[in-house]
Amino acid sequence: MPDKTITIPQEIVSALRLPPDGVESALHQELAIALYMRGILSSGKAATLAGLKRWQWEELLGVRKVPRHYTEEDLHVDIAYGSSE
């Protein structure tokens, strides 16, 4: 599937309370957070969309107080993986 482009009208871009040189990056991060919070994107894919390394993404989620999607089942899988090495 080819990349998708979202068009944001200039009047909206102008209304954003963001530095002009940081608009695109901020919008990618906002979209990534929103999609992650709704369970539409995994944490790894959301980090990629946000243009952040994994640790930066985790830090951003912490600053924004976004709950992680991590279940007890995920914990058991991680423990099993860790003890198999």
Protein backbone atom coordinates (compact mmCIF):
# COMPACT_ATOMS: atom_id res chain seq x y z
CA MET A 1 0.00 0.00 0.00
CA PRO A 2 1.43 3.40 -0.93
CA ASP A 3 2.05 6.15 1.61
CA LYS A 4 -0.96 8.31 2.46
CA THR A 5 -0.97 12.09 2.64
CA ILE A 6 -3.30 14.06 4.88
CA THR A 7 -4.06 17.61 3.80
CA ILE A 8 -4.49 20.13 6.58
CA PRO A 9 -5.85 23.51 5.50
CA GLN A 10 -3.47 26.43 5.99
CA GLU A 11 -5.98 28.19 8.26
CA ILE A 12 -5.79 25.20 10.63
CA VAL A 13 -1.99 25.06 10.46
CA SER A 14 -1.86 28.79 11.20
CA ALA A 15 -4.17 28.32 14.20
CA LEU A 16 -1.93 25.69 15.79
CA ARG A 17 -0.04 26.90 18.81
CA LEU A 18 3.17 25.31 17.63
CA PRO A 19 6.45 26.67 16.31
CA PRO A 20 6.22 26.70 12.48
CA ASP A 21 9.28 24.48 12.07
CA GLY A 22 7.86 21.83 14.42
CA VAL A 23 4.32 21.50 13.05
CA GLU A 24 4.81 18.37 10.95
CA SER A 25 6.65 16.50 13.70
CA ALA A 26 4.10 17.53 16.33
CA LEU A 27 1.19 16.45 14.14
CA HIS A 28 2.79 13.05 13.53
CA GLN A 29 3.22 12.63 17.28
CA GLU A 30 -0.35 13.70 18.04
CA LEU A 31 -1.75 11.32 15.44
CA ALA A 32 0.42 8.48 16.73
CA ILE A 33 -0.70 9.05 20.33
CA ALA A 34 -4.37 9.23 19.34
CA LEU A 35 -4.21 6.03 17.28
CA TYR A 36 -2.27 4.21 20.00
CA MET A 37 -4.72 5.31 22.71
CA ARG A 38 -7.64 3.99 20.65
CA GLY A 39 -5.88 0.66 20.10
CA ILE A 40 -5.67 1.22 16.35
CA LEU A 41 -1.85 1.14 16.27
CA SER A 42 0.60 -0.91 18.29
CA SER A 43 3.16 0.90 20.38
CA GLY A 44 5.98 0.04 17.95
CA LYS A 45 4.09 1.24 14.87
CA ALA A 46 2.94 4.38 16.70
CA ALA A 47 6.56 5.14 17.62
CA THR A 48 7.48 4.81 13.94
CA LEU A 49 4.64 7.11 12.89
CA ALA A 50 5.73 9.63 15.52
CA GLY A 51 9.27 9.52 14.12
CA LEU A 52 10.67 8.55 17.51
CA LYS A 53 13.00 5.83 18.76
CA ARG A 54 11.30 3.35 21.06
CA TRP A 55 12.71 4.89 24.25
CA GLN A 56 11.66 8.39 23.10
CA TRP A 57 8.15 7.10 22.43
CA GLU A 58 7.94 5.52 25.88
CA GLU A 59 9.16 8.79 27.41
CA LEU A 60 6.51 10.75 25.48
CA LEU A 61 3.79 8.39 26.68
CA GLY A 62 5.00 8.87 30.23
CA VAL A 63 5.05 12.67 29.97
CA ARG A 64 1.52 12.60 28.51
CA LYS A 65 0.40 10.04 31.12
CA VAL A 66 -0.90 7.73 28.41
CA PRO A 67 -1.70 4.27 29.78
CA ARG A 68 0.22 1.43 28.14
CA HIS A 69 -1.64 -1.41 26.46
CA TYR A 70 0.02 -4.19 28.38
CA THR A 71 -2.06 -7.07 29.67
CA GLU A 72 -1.34 -9.81 32.16
CA GLU A 73 -1.10 -12.17 29.18
CA ASP A 74 1.61 -9.93 27.68
CA LEU A 75 3.49 -10.16 30.96
CA HIS A 76 3.34 -13.98 30.92
CA VAL A 77 4.58 -14.06 27.32
CA ASP A 78 7.47 -11.73 28.21
CA ILE A 79 8.37 -13.82 31.28
CA ALA A 80 8.32 -17.03 29.23
CA TYR A 81 10.47 -15.41 26.56
CA GLY A 82 12.92 -14.07 29.13
CA SER A 83 13.30 -17.40 30.89
CA SER A 84 13.84 -19.34 27.66
CA GLU A 85 17.10 -17.56 26.91
